[in-house]
Structure formats: structure tokens, C-alpha cells
Amino acid sequence: MVPSVWLLALIRNYVSPHYRPSPL
């Protein structure tokens, strides 16, 4: 079983660059 903290970090690490707000 994977720790939720590790899983959350992995998801955020994957999602972060995709949903990064464009500089205004």
C-alpha cells in the first residue's frame, strides 16, 4: 500500500507543470 503523502506528492509533481498559471 502506498502512503497517501507520497501519492499526493507524486500527483502534485505531475499536475503542477500542466496547471501552472501563465505569467501576466
PDB file of N, CA and C in Angstrom:
ATOM      1  N   MET A   1       0.854  -1.208   0.000  1.00  0.00           N
ATOM      2  CA  MET A   1       0.000   0.000   0.000  1.00  0.00           C
ATOM      3  C   MET A   1       0.884   1.250   0.000  1.00  0.00           C
ATOM      4  N   VAL A   2       0.528   2.208  -0.838  1.00  0.00           N
ATOM      5  CA  VAL A   2       1.336   3.417  -0.959  1.00  0.00           C
ATOM      6  C   VAL A   2       0.863   4.466   0.044  1.00  0.00           C
ATOM      7  N   PRO A   3       1.800   5.132   0.723  1.00  0.00           N
ATOM      8  CA  PRO A   3       1.419   6.207   1.645  1.00  0.00           C
ATOM      9  C   PRO A   3       0.727   7.342   0.899  1.00  0.00           C
ATOM     10  N   SER A   4      -0.310   7.900   1.494  1.00  0.00           N
ATOM     11  CA  SER A   4      -1.071   8.964   0.840  1.00  0.00           C
ATOM     12  C   SER A   4      -0.214  10.202   0.603  1.00  0.00           C
ATOM     13  N   VAL A   5       0.759  10.424   1.498  1.00  0.00           N
ATOM     14  CA  VAL A   5       1.645  11.587   1.364  1.00  0.00           C
ATOM     15  C   VAL A   5       2.499  11.456   0.113  1.00  0.00           C
ATOM     16  N   TRP A   6       3.047  10.247  -0.107  1.00  0.00           N
ATOM     17  CA  TRP A   6       3.878  10.004  -1.287  1.00  0.00           C
ATOM     18  C   TRP A   6       3.047  10.095  -2.558  1.00  0.00           C
ATOM     19  N   LEU A   7       1.833   9.563  -2.484  1.00  0.00           N
ATOM     20  CA  LEU A   7       0.939   9.588  -3.641  1.00  0.00           C
ATOM     21  C   LEU A   7       0.528  11.019  -3.965  1.00  0.00           C
ATOM     22  N   LEU A   8       0.234  11.807  -2.932  1.00  0.00           N
ATOM     23  CA  LEU A   8      -0.136  13.204  -3.122  1.00  0.00           C
ATOM     24  C   LEU A   8       1.021  13.994  -3.723  1.00  0.00           C
ATOM     25  N   ALA A   9       2.232  13.734  -3.246  1.00  0.00           N
ATOM     26  CA  ALA A   9       3.412  14.415  -3.777  1.00  0.00           C
ATOM     27  C   ALA A   9       3.627  14.053  -5.239  1.00  0.00           C
ATOM     28  N   LEU A  10       3.405  12.792  -5.586  1.00  0.00           N
ATOM     29  CA  LEU A  10       3.577  12.331  -6.965  1.00  0.00           C
ATOM     30  C   LEU A  10       2.549  12.991  -7.883  1.00  0.00           C
ATOM     31  N   ILE A  11       1.304  13.057  -7.424  1.00  0.00           N
ATOM     32  CA  ILE A  11       0.238  13.681  -8.211  1.00  0.00           C
ATOM     33  C   ILE A  11       0.512  15.170  -8.403  1.00  0.00           C
ATOM     34  N   ARG A  12       0.913  15.848  -7.326  1.00  0.00           N
ATOM     35  CA  ARG A  12       1.190  17.285  -7.426  1.00  0.00           C
ATOM     36  C   ARG A  12       2.384  17.540  -8.338  1.00  0.00           C
ATOM     37  N   ASN A  13       3.371  16.654  -8.276  1.00  0.00           N
ATOM     38  CA  ASN A  13       4.559  16.802  -9.112  1.00  0.00           C
ATOM     39  C   ASN A  13       4.213  16.613 -10.579  1.00  0.00           C
ATOM     40  N   TYR A  14       3.213  15.785 -10.866  1.00  0.00           N
ATOM     41  CA  TYR A  14       2.797  15.532 -12.245  1.00  0.00           C
ATOM     42  C   TYR A  14       1.848  16.619 -12.748  1.00  0.00           C
ATOM     43  N   VAL A  15       0.938  17.054 -11.873  1.00  0.00           N
ATOM     44  CA  VAL A  15      -0.098  18.011 -12.271  1.00  0.00           C
ATOM     45  C   VAL A  15       0.427  19.448 -12.292  1.00  0.00           C
ATOM     46  N   SER A  16       1.365  19.757 -11.399  1.00  0.00           N
ATOM     47  CA  SER A  16       1.853  21.130 -11.239  1.00  0.00           C
ATOM     48  C   SER A  16       2.296  21.817 -12.537  1.00  0.00           C
ATOM     49  N   PRO A  17       3.178  21.216 -13.347  1.00  0.00           N
ATOM     50  CA  PRO A  17       3.616  21.883 -14.580  1.00  0.00           C
ATOM     51  C   PRO A  17       2.496  22.050 -15.599  1.00  0.00           C
ATOM     52  N   HIS A  18       1.472  21.202 -15.544  1.00  0.00           N
ATOM     53  CA  HIS A  18       0.395  21.275 -16.518  1.00  0.00           C
ATOM     54  C   HIS A  18      -0.602  22.382 -16.179  1.00  0.00           C
ATOM     55  N   TYR A  19      -0.792  22.597 -14.884  1.00  0.00           N
ATOM     56  CA  TYR A  19      -1.784  23.579 -14.464  1.00  0.00           C
ATOM     57  C   TYR A  19      -1.136  24.841 -13.903  1.00  0.00           C
ATOM     58  N   ARG A  20       0.110  25.068 -14.271  1.00  0.00           N
ATOM     59  CA  ARG A  20       0.801  26.264 -13.799  1.00  0.00           C
ATOM     60  C   ARG A  20       0.215  27.494 -14.504  1.00  0.00           C
ATOM     61  N   PRO A  21      -0.209  28.521 -13.755  1.00  0.00           N
ATOM     62  CA  PRO A  21      -0.809  29.721 -14.346  1.00  0.00           C
ATOM     63  C   PRO A  21       0.192  30.478 -15.201  1.00  0.00           C
ATOM     64  N   SER A  22      -0.250  30.943 -16.349  1.00  0.00           N
ATOM     65  CA  SER A  22       0.629  31.682 -17.245  1.00  0.00           C
ATOM     66  C   SER A  22       0.906  33.075 -16.681  1.00  0.00           C
ATOM     67  N   PRO A  23       2.141  33.555 -16.784  1.00  0.00           N
ATOM     68  CA  PRO A  23       2.500  34.885 -16.265  1.00  0.00           C
ATOM     69  C   PRO A  23       1.784  35.989 -17.028  1.00  0.00           C
ATOM     70  N   LEU A  24       1.276  36.948 -16.301  1.00  0.00           N
ATOM     71  CA  LEU A  24       0.558  38.054 -16.944  1.00  0.00           C
ATOM     72  C   LEU A  24       1.515  39.210 -17.209  1.00  0.00           C
TER      73      LEU A  24
END
